[in-house]
PDB file of N, CA and C in Angstrom:
ATOM      1  N   GLY A   1      -0.835 -32.662 -18.645  1.00  0.00           N
ATOM      2  CA  GLY A   1      -1.425 -31.712 -19.559  1.00  0.00           C
ATOM      3  C   GLY A   1      -1.935 -30.480 -18.833  1.00  0.00           C
ATOM      4  N   ASP A   2      -2.654 -29.665 -19.561  1.00  0.00           N
ATOM      5  CA  ASP A   2      -3.139 -28.405 -19.013  1.00  0.00           C
ATOM      6  C   ASP A   2      -4.171 -28.600 -17.913  1.00  0.00           C
ATOM      7  N   GLY A   3      -5.041 -29.585 -18.047  1.00  0.00           N
ATOM      8  CA  GLY A   3      -6.030 -29.820 -17.007  1.00  0.00           C
ATOM      9  C   GLY A   3      -5.390 -30.195 -15.688  1.00  0.00           C
ATOM     10  N   THR A   4      -4.459 -31.105 -15.719  1.00  0.00           N
ATOM     11  CA  THR A   4      -3.786 -31.555 -14.507  1.00  0.00           C
ATOM     12  C   THR A   4      -2.924 -30.450 -13.903  1.00  0.00           C
ATOM     13  N   PHE A   5      -2.312 -29.629 -14.734  1.00  0.00           N
ATOM     14  CA  PHE A   5      -1.485 -28.542 -14.207  1.00  0.00           C
ATOM     15  C   PHE A   5      -2.300 -27.637 -13.294  1.00  0.00           C
ATOM     16  N   GLY A   6      -3.570 -27.456 -13.619  1.00  0.00           N
ATOM     17  CA  GLY A   6      -4.426 -26.628 -12.779  1.00  0.00           C
ATOM     18  C   GLY A   6      -4.525 -27.128 -11.347  1.00  0.00           C
ATOM     19  N   PHE A   7      -4.408 -28.427 -11.147  1.00  0.00           N
ATOM     20  CA  PHE A   7      -4.467 -28.991  -9.800  1.00  0.00           C
ATOM     21  C   PHE A   7      -3.166 -28.805  -9.023  1.00  0.00           C
ATOM     22  N   HIS A   8      -2.052 -28.668  -9.716  1.00  0.00           N
ATOM     23  CA  HIS A   8      -0.749 -28.713  -9.058  1.00  0.00           C
ATOM     24  C   HIS A   8       0.113 -27.467  -9.276  1.00  0.00           C
ATOM     25  N   SER A   9      -0.429 -26.428  -9.851  1.00  0.00           N
ATOM     26  CA  SER A   9       0.392 -25.258 -10.187  1.00  0.00           C
ATOM     27  C   SER A   9       1.004 -24.587  -8.959  1.00  0.00           C
ATOM     28  N   SER A  10       0.342 -24.669  -7.811  1.00  0.00           N
ATOM     29  CA  SER A  10       0.890 -24.001  -6.626  1.00  0.00           C
ATOM     30  C   SER A  10       2.166 -24.662  -6.113  1.00  0.00           C
ATOM     31  N   GLU A  11       2.501 -25.840  -6.622  1.00  0.00           N
ATOM     32  CA  GLU A  11       3.780 -26.461  -6.245  1.00  0.00           C
ATOM     33  C   GLU A  11       4.958 -25.619  -6.726  1.00  0.00           C
ATOM     34  N   LEU A  12       4.703 -24.742  -7.691  1.00  0.00           N
ATOM     35  CA  LEU A  12       5.759 -23.826  -8.129  1.00  0.00           C
ATOM     36  C   LEU A  12       6.206 -22.918  -6.987  1.00  0.00           C
ATOM     37  N   ASP A  13       5.287 -22.552  -6.109  1.00  0.00           N
ATOM     38  CA  ASP A  13       5.641 -21.726  -4.962  1.00  0.00           C
ATOM     39  C   ASP A  13       6.709 -22.416  -4.114  1.00  0.00           C
ATOM     40  N   THR A  14       6.506 -23.687  -3.831  1.00  0.00           N
ATOM     41  CA  THR A  14       7.481 -24.454  -3.051  1.00  0.00           C
ATOM     42  C   THR A  14       8.818 -24.534  -3.777  1.00  0.00           C
ATOM     43  N   ALA A  15       8.766 -24.807  -5.068  1.00  0.00           N
ATOM     44  CA  ALA A  15       9.999 -24.926  -5.854  1.00  0.00           C
ATOM     45  C   ALA A  15      10.782 -23.619  -5.864  1.00  0.00           C
ATOM     46  N   VAL A  16      10.082 -22.495  -5.939  1.00  0.00           N
ATOM     47  CA  VAL A  16      10.767 -21.197  -5.916  1.00  0.00           C
ATOM     48  C   VAL A  16      11.384 -20.955  -4.540  1.00  0.00           C
ATOM     49  N   ARG A  17      10.624 -21.218  -3.477  1.00  0.00           N
ATOM     50  CA  ARG A  17      11.145 -20.985  -2.124  1.00  0.00           C
ATOM     51  C   ARG A  17      12.384 -21.825  -1.833  1.00  0.00           C
ATOM     52  N   TYR A  18      12.409 -23.040  -2.341  1.00  0.00           N
ATOM     53  CA  TYR A  18      13.550 -23.929  -2.082  1.00  0.00           C
ATOM     54  C   TYR A  18      14.579 -23.916  -3.214  1.00  0.00           C
ATOM     55  N   GLN A  19      14.403 -23.010  -4.162  1.00  0.00           N
ATOM     56  CA  GLN A  19      15.336 -22.828  -5.276  1.00  0.00           C
ATOM     57  C   GLN A  19      15.622 -24.152  -5.986  1.00  0.00           C
ATOM     58  N   LEU A  20      14.553 -24.813  -6.404  1.00  0.00           N
ATOM     59  CA  LEU A  20      14.655 -26.104  -7.089  1.00  0.00           C
ATOM     60  C   LEU A  20      14.462 -25.898  -8.587  1.00  0.00           C
ATOM     61  N   PRO A  21      15.543 -25.824  -9.340  1.00  0.00           N
ATOM     62  CA  PRO A  21      15.402 -25.598 -10.776  1.00  0.00           C
ATOM     63  C   PRO A  21      14.903 -26.855 -11.489  1.00  0.00           C
ATOM     64  N   PHE A  22      13.882 -26.698 -12.287  1.00  0.00           N
ATOM     65  CA  PHE A  22      13.366 -27.768 -13.149  1.00  0.00           C
ATOM     66  C   PHE A  22      12.565 -27.109 -14.256  1.00  0.00           C
ATOM     67  N   ILE A  23      12.293 -27.872 -15.287  1.00  0.00           N
ATOM     68  CA  ILE A  23      11.410 -27.403 -16.357  1.00  0.00           C
ATOM     69  C   ILE A  23      10.233 -28.359 -16.424  1.00  0.00           C
ATOM     70  N   GLY A  24       9.051 -27.844 -16.125  1.00  0.00           N
ATOM     71  CA  GLY A  24       7.821 -28.608 -16.293  1.00  0.00           C
ATOM     72  C   GLY A  24       7.259 -28.321 -17.676  1.00  0.00           C
ATOM     73  N   VAL A  25       6.894 -29.362 -18.377  1.00  0.00           N
ATOM     74  CA  VAL A  25       6.343 -29.203 -19.728  1.00  0.00           C
ATOM     75  C   VAL A  25       4.843 -29.448 -19.669  1.00  0.00           C
ATOM     76  N   VAL A  26       4.072 -28.458 -20.120  1.00  0.00           N
ATOM     77  CA  VAL A  26       2.619 -28.570 -20.158  1.00  0.00           C
ATOM     78  C   VAL A  26       2.191 -28.663 -21.617  1.00  0.00           C
ATOM     79  N   GLY A  27       1.611 -29.802 -21.990  1.00  0.00           N
ATOM     80  CA  GLY A  27       0.994 -29.945 -23.307  1.00  0.00           C
ATOM     81  C   GLY A  27      -0.400 -29.352 -23.227  1.00  0.00           C
ATOM     82  N   ASN A  28      -0.599 -28.202 -23.826  1.00  0.00           N
ATOM     83  CA  ASN A  28      -1.818 -27.418 -23.652  1.00  0.00           C
ATOM     84  C   ASN A  28      -2.704 -27.528 -24.893  1.00  0.00           C
ATOM     85  N   ASP A  29      -3.727 -28.392 -24.795  1.00  0.00           N
ATOM     86  CA  ASP A  29      -4.691 -28.517 -25.892  1.00  0.00           C
ATOM     87  C   ASP A  29      -6.032 -27.881 -25.548  1.00  0.00           C
ATOM     88  N   ALA A  30      -6.074 -27.119 -24.451  1.00  0.00           N
ATOM     89  CA  ALA A  30      -7.278 -26.407 -24.010  1.00  0.00           C
ATOM     90  C   ALA A  30      -8.475 -27.344 -23.868  1.00  0.00           C
ATOM     91  N   CYS A  31      -8.208 -28.510 -23.267  1.00  0.00           N
ATOM     92  CA  CYS A  31      -9.270 -29.511 -23.161  1.00  0.00           C
ATOM     93  C   CYS A  31      -8.916 -30.545 -22.099  1.00  0.00           C
ATOM     94  N   TRP A  32      -9.939 -31.066 -21.419  1.00  0.00           N
ATOM     95  CA  TRP A  32      -9.789 -32.282 -20.620  1.00  0.00           C
ATOM     96  C   TRP A  32      -9.863 -33.417 -21.624  1.00  0.00           C
ATOM     97  N   ASN A  33      -8.799 -33.647 -22.361  1.00  0.00           N
ATOM     98  CA  ASN A  33      -8.855 -34.523 -23.530  1.00  0.00           C
ATOM     99  C   ASN A  33      -9.114 -35.983 -23.188  1.00  0.00           C
ATOM    100  N   ALA A  34      -8.569 -36.484 -22.091  1.00  0.00           N
ATOM    101  CA  ALA A  34      -8.832 -37.886 -21.736  1.00  0.00           C
ATOM    102  C   ALA A  34     -10.325 -38.091 -21.511  1.00  0.00           C
ATOM    103  N   GLU A  35     -10.948 -37.196 -20.761  1.00  0.00           N
ATOM    104  CA  GLU A  35     -12.378 -37.302 -20.502  1.00  0.00           C
ATOM    105  C   GLU A  35     -13.188 -37.096 -21.783  1.00  0.00           C
ATOM    106  N   TYR A  36     -12.739 -36.166 -22.605  1.00  0.00           N
ATOM    107  CA  TYR A  36     -13.411 -35.903 -23.878  1.00  0.00           C
ATOM    108  C   TYR A  36     -13.435 -37.159 -24.746  1.00  0.00           C
ATOM    109  N   GLN A  37     -12.288 -37.822 -24.856  1.00  0.00           N
ATOM    110  CA  GLN A  37     -12.216 -39.032 -25.682  1.00  0.00           C
ATOM    111  C   GLN A  37     -13.084 -40.152 -25.110  1.00  0.00           C
ATOM    112  N   ILE A  38     -13.124 -40.277 -23.787  1.00  0.00           N
ATOM    113  CA  ILE A  38     -13.987 -41.286 -23.167  1.00  0.00           C
ATOM    114  C   ILE A  38     -15.448 -40.993 -23.476  1.00  0.00           C
ATOM    115  N   GLN A  39     -15.850 -39.739 -23.368  1.00  0.00           N
ATOM    116  CA  GLN A  39     -17.243 -39.389 -23.649  1.00  0.00           C
ATOM    117  C   GLN A  39     -17.608 -39.695 -25.098  1.00  0.00           C
ATOM    118  N   ILE A  40     -16.729 -39.371 -26.020  1.00  0.00           N
ATOM    119  CA  ILE A  40     -17.001 -39.670 -27.433  1.00  0.00           C
ATOM    120  C   ILE A  40     -17.113 -41.174 -27.643  1.00  0.00           C
ATOM    121  N   ARG A  41     -16.158 -41.922 -27.093  1.00  0.00           N
ATOM    122  CA  ARG A  41     -16.148 -43.372 -27.278  1.00  0.00           C
ATOM    123  C   ARG A  41     -17.386 -44.033 -26.669  1.00  0.00           C
ATOM    124  N   GLU A  42     -17.765 -43.628 -25.478  1.00  0.00           N
ATOM    125  CA  GLU A  42     -18.848 -44.299 -24.762  1.00  0.00           C
ATOM    126  C   GLU A  42     -20.238 -43.792 -25.135  1.00  0.00           C
ATOM    127  N   TYR A  43     -20.346 -42.496 -25.453  1.00  0.00           N
ATOM    128  CA  TYR A  43     -21.677 -41.903 -25.607  1.00  0.00           C
ATOM    129  C   TYR A  43     -21.903 -41.185 -26.931  1.00  0.00           C
ATOM    130  N   GLY A  44     -20.837 -40.967 -27.706  1.00  0.00           N
ATOM    131  CA  GLY A  44     -20.978 -40.273 -28.983  1.00  0.00           C
ATOM    132  C   GLY A  44     -20.645 -38.793 -28.880  1.00  0.00           C
ATOM    133  N   GLN A  45     -20.368 -38.194 -30.025  1.00  0.00           N
ATOM    134  CA  GLN A  45     -19.938 -36.793 -30.108  1.00  0.00           C
ATOM    135  C   GLN A  45     -20.933 -35.836 -29.454  1.00  0.00           C
ATOM    136  N   GLU A  46     -22.223 -36.088 -29.627  1.00  0.00           N
ATOM    137  CA  GLU A  46     -23.227 -35.172 -29.087  1.00  0.00           C
ATOM    138  C   GLU A  46     -23.218 -35.127 -27.553  1.00  0.00           C
ATOM    139  N   ARG A  47     -22.646 -36.118 -26.916  1.00  0.00           N
ATOM    140  CA  ARG A  47     -22.610 -36.186 -25.445  1.00  0.00           C
ATOM    141  C   ARG A  47     -21.320 -35.589 -24.868  1.00  0.00           C
ATOM    142  N   ALA A  48     -20.350 -35.274 -25.683  1.00  0.00           N
ATOM    143  CA  ALA A  48     -19.061 -34.757 -25.204  1.00  0.00           C
ATOM    144  C   ALA A  48     -19.231 -33.300 -24.772  1.00  0.00           C
ATOM    145  N   LYS A  49     -19.490 -33.105 -23.495  1.00  0.00           N
ATOM    146  CA  LYS A  49     -19.770 -31.766 -22.956  1.00  0.00           C
ATOM    147  C   LYS A  49     -18.880 -31.482 -21.750  1.00  0.00           C
ATOM    148  N   GLY A  50     -18.593 -30.216 -21.535  1.00  0.00           N
ATOM    149  CA  GLY A  50     -17.900 -29.785 -20.331  1.00  0.00           C
ATOM    150  C   GLY A  50     -16.427 -30.132 -20.266  1.00  0.00           C
ATOM    151  N   CYS A  51     -15.813 -30.393 -21.390  1.00  0.00           N
ATOM    152  CA  CYS A  51     -14.394 -30.771 -21.397  1.00  0.00           C
ATOM    153  C   CYS A  51     -13.496 -29.656 -21.919  1.00  0.00           C
ATOM    154  N   GLU A  52     -14.076 -28.546 -22.314  1.00  0.00           N
ATOM    155  CA  GLU A  52     -13.296 -27.463 -22.897  1.00  0.00           C
ATOM    156  C   GLU A  52     -12.601 -26.654 -21.804  1.00  0.00           C
ATOM    157  N   LEU A  53     -11.395 -26.234 -22.084  1.00  0.00           N
ATOM    158  CA  LEU A  53     -10.648 -25.324 -21.228  1.00  0.00           C
ATOM    159  C   LEU A  53     -10.205 -24.137 -22.076  1.00  0.00           C
ATOM    160  N   LEU A  54      -9.763 -23.085 -21.424  1.00  0.00           N
ATOM    161  CA  LEU A  54      -9.174 -21.965 -22.148  1.00  0.00           C
ATOM    162  C   LEU A  54      -7.717 -22.297 -22.483  1.00  0.00           C
ATOM    163  N   PRO A  55      -7.176 -21.710 -23.534  1.00  0.00           N
ATOM    164  CA  PRO A  55      -5.741 -21.906 -23.818  1.00  0.00           C
ATOM    165  C   PRO A  55      -4.915 -21.023 -22.872  1.00  0.00           C
ATOM    166  N   SER A  56      -4.953 -21.360 -21.595  1.00  0.00           N
ATOM    167  CA  SER A  56      -4.388 -20.516 -20.538  1.00  0.00           C
ATOM    168  C   SER A  56      -2.871 -20.391 -20.630  1.00  0.00           C
ATOM    169  N   ARG A  57      -2.387 -19.286 -20.111  1.00  0.00           N
ATOM    170  CA  ARG A  57      -0.957 -18.976 -20.124  1.00  0.00           C
ATOM    171  C   ARG A  57      -0.302 -19.509 -18.854  1.00  0.00           C
ATOM    172  N   TYR A  58      -0.108 -20.807 -18.805  1.00  0.00           N
ATOM    173  CA  TYR A  58       0.504 -21.448 -17.640  1.00  0.00           C
ATOM    174  C   TYR A  58       1.948 -21.004 -17.443  1.00  0.00           C
ATOM    175  N   ASP A  59       2.592 -20.567 -18.505  1.00  0.00           N
ATOM    176  CA  ASP A  59       3.934 -20.008 -18.390  1.00  0.00           C
ATOM    177  C   ASP A  59       3.921 -18.754 -17.519  1.00  0.00           C
ATOM    178  N   GLN A  60       2.855 -17.980 -17.598  1.00  0.00           N
ATOM    179  CA  GLN A  60       2.752 -16.771 -16.785  1.00  0.00           C
ATOM    180  C   GLN A  60       2.448 -17.092 -15.323  1.00  0.00           C
ATOM    181  N   VAL A  61       1.822 -18.236 -15.074  1.00  0.00           N
ATOM    182  CA  VAL A  61       1.626 -18.684 -13.693  1.00  0.00           C
ATOM    183  C   VAL A  61       2.992 -18.883 -13.035  1.00  0.00           C
ATOM    184  N   ALA A  62       3.908 -19.504 -13.763  1.00  0.00           N
ATOM    185  CA  ALA A  62       5.262 -19.707 -13.233  1.00  0.00           C
ATOM    186  C   ALA A  62       5.922 -18.367 -12.910  1.00  0.00           C
ATOM    187  N   LEU A  63       5.754 -17.396 -13.785  1.00  0.00           N
ATOM    188  CA  LEU A  63       6.320 -16.064 -13.540  1.00  0.00           C
ATOM    189  C   LEU A  63       5.724 -15.446 -12.281  1.00  0.00           C
ATOM    190  N   ALA A  64       4.428 -15.617 -12.083  1.00  0.00           N
ATOM    191  CA  ALA A  64       3.760 -15.034 -10.919  1.00  0.00           C
ATOM    192  C   ALA A  64       4.307 -15.598  -9.608  1.00  0.00           C
ATOM    193  N   PHE A  65       4.748 -16.840  -9.613  1.00  0.00           N
ATOM    194  CA  PHE A  65       5.323 -17.453  -8.413  1.00  0.00           C
ATOM    195  C   PHE A  65       6.810 -17.130  -8.252  1.00  0.00           C
ATOM    196  N   GLY A  66       7.400 -16.430  -9.221  1.00  0.00           N
ATOM    197  CA  GLY A  66       8.815 -16.093  -9.141  1.00  0.00           C
ATOM    198  C   GLY A  66       9.712 -17.009  -9.939  1.00  0.00           C
ATOM    199  N   GLY A  67       9.109 -17.871 -10.745  1.00  0.00           N
ATOM    200  CA  GLY A  67       9.875 -18.760 -11.612  1.00  0.00           C
ATOM    201  C   GLY A  67      10.008 -18.167 -13.003  1.00  0.00           C
ATOM    202  N   ALA A  68      10.167 -19.035 -13.971  1.00  0.00           N
ATOM    203  CA  ALA A  68      10.309 -18.615 -15.363  1.00  0.00           C
ATOM    204  C   ALA A  68       9.294 -19.378 -16.201  1.00  0.00           C
ATOM    205  N   GLY A  69       8.989 -18.849 -17.368  1.00  0.00           N
ATOM    206  CA  GLY A  69       8.050 -19.527 -18.243  1.00  0.00           C
ATOM    207  C   GLY A  69       8.186 -19.069 -19.672  1.00  0.00           C
ATOM    208  N   GLU A  70       7.812 -19.961 -20.570  1.00  0.00           N
ATOM    209  CA  GLU A  70       7.807 -19.645 -22.004  1.00  0.00           C
ATOM    210  C   GLU A  70       6.591 -20.295 -22.637  1.00  0.00           C
ATOM    211  N   LEU A  71       5.989 -19.590 -23.578  1.00  0.00           N
ATOM    212  CA  LEU A  71       4.899 -20.109 -24.392  1.00  0.00           C
ATOM    213  C   LEU A  71       5.471 -20.517 -25.739  1.00  0.00           C
ATOM    214  N   VAL A  72       5.139 -21.728 -26.189  1.00  0.00           N
ATOM    215  CA  VAL A  72       5.608 -22.225 -27.482  1.00  0.00           C
ATOM    216  C   VAL A  72       4.396 -22.569 -28.337  1.00  0.00           C
ATOM    217  N   THR A  73       4.391 -22.050 -29.559  1.00  0.00           N
ATOM    218  CA  THR A  73       3.297 -22.332 -30.490  1.00  0.00           C
ATOM    219  C   THR A  73       3.768 -23.064 -31.740  1.00  0.00           C
ATOM    220  N   ASP A  74       5.071 -23.264 -31.871  1.00  0.00           N
ATOM    221  CA  ASP A  74       5.646 -23.934 -33.032  1.00  0.00           C
ATOM    222  C   ASP A  74       6.664 -24.966 -32.549  1.00  0.00           C
ATOM    223  N   ALA A  75       6.590 -26.167 -33.076  1.00  0.00           N
ATOM    224  CA  ALA A  75       7.474 -27.257 -32.646  1.00  0.00           C
ATOM    225  C   ALA A  75       8.951 -26.891 -32.779  1.00  0.00           C
ATOM    226  N   LEU A  76       9.299 -26.082 -33.754  1.00  0.00           N
ATOM    227  CA  LEU A  76      10.699 -25.696 -33.942  1.00  0.00           C
ATOM    228  C   LEU A  76      11.222 -24.808 -32.817  1.00  0.00           C
ATOM    229  N   ASP A  77      10.322 -24.250 -32.024  1.00  0.00           N
ATOM    230  CA  ASP A  77      10.726 -23.355 -30.940  1.00  0.00           C
ATOM    231  C   ASP A  77      10.879 -24.059 -29.594  1.00  0.00           C
ATOM    232  N   VAL A  78      10.557 -25.355 -29.527  1.00  0.00           N
ATOM    233  CA  VAL A  78      10.608 -26.066 -28.243  1.00  0.00           C
ATOM    234  C   VAL A  78      12.026 -26.097 -27.678  1.00  0.00           C
ATOM    235  N   LEU A  79      12.993 -26.546 -28.449  1.00  0.00           N
ATOM    236  CA  LEU A  79      14.365 -26.663 -27.947  1.00  0.00           C
ATOM    237  C   LEU A  79      14.949 -25.312 -27.545  1.00  0.00           C
ATOM    238  N   PRO A  80      14.859 -24.266 -28.386  1.00  0.00           N
ATOM    239  CA  PRO A  80      15.410 -22.976 -27.956  1.00  0.00           C
ATOM    240  C   PRO A  80      14.737 -22.442 -26.684  1.00  0.00           C
ATOM    241  N   ALA A  81      13.434 -22.638 -26.570  1.00  0.00           N
ATOM    242  CA  ALA A  81      12.729 -22.174 -25.368  1.00  0.00           C
ATOM    243  C   ALA A  81      13.209 -22.941 -24.141  1.00  0.00           C
ATOM    244  N   ALA A  82      13.364 -24.252 -24.272  1.00  0.00           N
ATOM    245  CA  ALA A  82      13.851 -25.070 -23.156  1.00  0.00           C
ATOM    246  C   ALA A  82      15.269 -24.658 -22.758  1.00  0.00           C
ATOM    247  N   GLN A  83      16.094 -24.350 -23.725  1.00  0.00           N
ATOM    248  CA  GLN A  83      17.469 -23.927 -23.429  1.00  0.00           C
ATOM    249  C   GLN A  83      17.489 -22.587 -22.695  1.00  0.00           C
ATOM    250  N   ARG A  84      16.608 -21.670 -23.104  1.00  0.00           N
ATOM    251  CA  ARG A  84      16.528 -20.380 -22.403  1.00  0.00           C
ATOM    252  C   ARG A  84      16.080 -20.579 -20.953  1.00  0.00           C
ATOM    253  N   LEU A  85      15.097 -21.450 -20.763  1.00  0.00           N
ATOM    254  CA  LEU A  85      14.618 -21.714 -19.403  1.00  0.00           C
ATOM    255  C   LEU A  85      15.699 -22.379 -18.559  1.00  0.00           C
ATOM    256  N   GLN A  86      16.402 -23.334 -19.128  1.00  0.00           N
ATOM    257  CA  GLN A  86      17.466 -24.022 -18.386  1.00  0.00           C
ATOM    258  C   GLN A  86      18.541 -23.033 -17.940  1.00  0.00           C
ATOM    259  N   ALA A  87      18.870 -22.095 -18.803  1.00  0.00           N
ATOM    260  CA  ALA A  87      19.909 -21.109 -18.486  1.00  0.00           C
ATOM    261  C   ALA A  87      19.510 -20.212 -17.314  1.00  0.00           C
ATOM    262  N   LYS A  88      18.217 -20.040 -17.073  1.00  0.00           N
ATOM    263  CA  LYS A  88      17.759 -19.192 -15.966  1.00  0.00           C
ATOM    264  C   LYS A  88      17.941 -19.859 -14.608  1.00  0.00           C
ATOM    265  N   GLY A  89      17.978 -21.186 -14.575  1.00  0.00           N
ATOM    266  CA  GLY A  89      18.194 -21.891 -13.319  1.00  0.00           C
ATOM    267  C   GLY A  89      17.073 -21.745 -12.303  1.00  0.00           C
ATOM    268  N   LEU A  90      15.861 -21.559 -12.772  1.00  0.00           N
ATOM    269  CA  LEU A  90      14.692 -21.382 -11.907  1.00  0.00           C
ATOM    270  C   LEU A  90      13.677 -22.493 -12.158  1.00  0.00           C
ATOM    271  N   PRO A  91      12.737 -22.678 -11.241  1.00  0.00           N
ATOM    272  CA  PRO A  91      11.593 -23.515 -11.583  1.00  0.00           C
ATOM    273  C   PRO A  91      10.890 -22.868 -12.777  1.00  0.00           C
ATOM    274  N   ALA A  92      10.545 -23.667 -13.763  1.00  0.00           N
ATOM    275  CA  ALA A  92      10.027 -23.087 -15.006  1.00  0.00           C
ATOM    276  C   ALA A  92       8.937 -23.962 -15.608  1.00  0.00           C
ATOM    277  N   ILE A  93       8.080 -23.311 -16.382  1.00  0.00           N
ATOM    278  CA  ILE A  93       7.039 -24.007 -17.131  1.00  0.00           C
ATOM    279  C   ILE A  93       7.196 -23.685 -18.607  1.00  0.00           C
ATOM    280  N   LEU A  94       7.270 -24.733 -19.402  1.00  0.00           N
ATOM    281  CA  LEU A  94       7.270 -24.638 -20.857  1.00  0.00           C
ATOM    282  C   LEU A  94       5.854 -24.997 -21.299  1.00  0.00           C
ATOM    283  N   ASN A  95       5.088 -23.997 -21.673  1.00  0.00           N
ATOM    284  CA  ASN A  95       3.680 -24.137 -22.028  1.00  0.00           C
ATOM    285  C   ASN A  95       3.583 -24.293 -23.546  1.00  0.00           C
ATOM    286  N   ILE A  96       3.339 -25.517 -24.001  1.00  0.00           N
ATOM    287  CA  ILE A  96       3.341 -25.813 -25.436  1.00  0.00           C
ATOM    288  C   ILE A  96       1.908 -26.008 -25.915  1.00  0.00           C
ATOM    289  N   LEU A  97       1.465 -25.147 -26.823  1.00  0.00           N
ATOM    290  CA  LEU A  97       0.132 -25.304 -27.399  1.00  0.00           C
ATOM    291  C   LEU A  97       0.172 -26.462 -28.388  1.00  0.00           C
ATOM    292  N   ILE A  98      -0.696 -27.450 -28.155  1.00  0.00           N
ATOM    293  CA  ILE A  98      -0.708 -28.662 -28.972  1.00  0.00           C
ATOM    294  C   ILE A  98      -2.107 -28.925 -29.509  1.00  0.00           C
ATOM    295  N   GLU A  99      -2.173 -29.798 -30.483  1.00  0.00           N
ATOM    296  CA  GLU A  99      -3.452 -30.275 -30.999  1.00  0.00           C
ATOM    297  C   GLU A  99      -3.877 -31.464 -30.149  1.00  0.00           C
ATOM    298  N   GLY A 100      -5.112 -31.443 -29.680  1.00  0.00           N
ATOM    299  CA  GLY A 100      -5.610 -32.554 -28.876  1.00  0.00           C
ATOM    300  C   GLY A 100      -5.903 -33.768 -29.737  1.00  0.00           C
ATOM    301  N   LEU A 101      -5.240 -34.862 -29.449  1.00  0.00           N
ATOM    302  CA  LEU A 101      -5.431 -36.111 -30.181  1.00  0.00           C
ATOM    303  C   LEU A 101      -5.775 -37.218 -29.199  1.00  0.00           C
ATOM    304  N   PRO A 102      -6.512 -38.228 -29.642  1.00  0.00           N
ATOM    305  CA  PRO A 102      -6.790 -39.349 -28.745  1.00  0.00           C
ATOM    306  C   PRO A 102      -5.512 -40.105 -28.404  1.00  0.00           C
ATOM    307  N   ALA A 103      -5.416 -40.528 -27.155  1.00  0.00           N
ATOM    308  CA  ALA A 103      -4.294 -41.367 -26.740  1.00  0.00           C
ATOM    309  C   ALA A 103      -4.541 -42.791 -27.220  1.00  0.00           C
ATOM    310  N   PRO A 104      -3.491 -43.530 -27.525  1.00  0.00           N
ATOM    311  CA  PRO A 104      -3.679 -44.928 -27.919  1.00  0.00           C
ATOM    312  C   PRO A 104      -4.316 -45.716 -26.776  1.00  0.00           C
ATOM    313  N   ASN A 105      -5.153 -46.678 -27.128  1.00  0.00           N
ATOM    314  CA  ASN A 105      -5.725 -47.556 -26.106  1.00  0.00           C
ATOM    315  C   ASN A 105      -5.905 -48.951 -26.680  1.00  0.00           C
ATOM    316  N   LEU A 106      -6.140 -49.896 -25.808  1.00  0.00           N
ATOM    317  CA  LEU A 106      -6.330 -51.278 -26.235  1.00  0.00           C
ATOM    318  C   LEU A 106      -7.655 -51.431 -26.958  1.00  0.00           C
ATOM    319  N   LYS A 107      -7.643 -52.237 -28.002  1.00  0.00           N
ATOM    320  CA  LYS A 107      -8.890 -52.516 -28.707  1.00  0.00           C
ATOM    321  C   LYS A 107      -9.765 -53.406 -27.847  1.00  0.00           C
ATOM    322  N   ARG A 108     -11.033 -53.128 -27.887  1.00  0.00           N
ATOM    323  CA  ARG A 108     -11.984 -53.966 -27.160  1.00  0.00           C
ATOM    324  C   ARG A 108     -12.341 -55.167 -28.007  1.00  0.00           C
ATOM    325  N   SER A 109     -12.543 -56.285 -27.352  1.00  0.00           N
ATOM    326  CA  SER A 109     -12.910 -57.487 -28.113  1.00  0.00           C
ATOM    327  C   SER A 109     -14.410 -57.694 -28.123  1.00  0.00           C
TER     328      SER A 109
END
């Protein structure tokens, strides 16, 4: 997701230098959503603090390193955007704005 991409975005520099074409998909909900859901579950809504992120343009980070990028805001645009990125043959980021939802987890007994 978007939070984790922040830790590893500079790997695009290596991919560009070695001409390694790939498409990285970033599900961008502008939140540390895993931590947010844990805080809500364990401590309640009032305790869920410090998990917000900006809806950053990670696609533009790829461009800054010399790769390619596309921002997607509608599910119908995912495939055409991916096809455009694939045709470029560069390291690329497909930055998809998504709604943050809780991940499935095991029920506690």
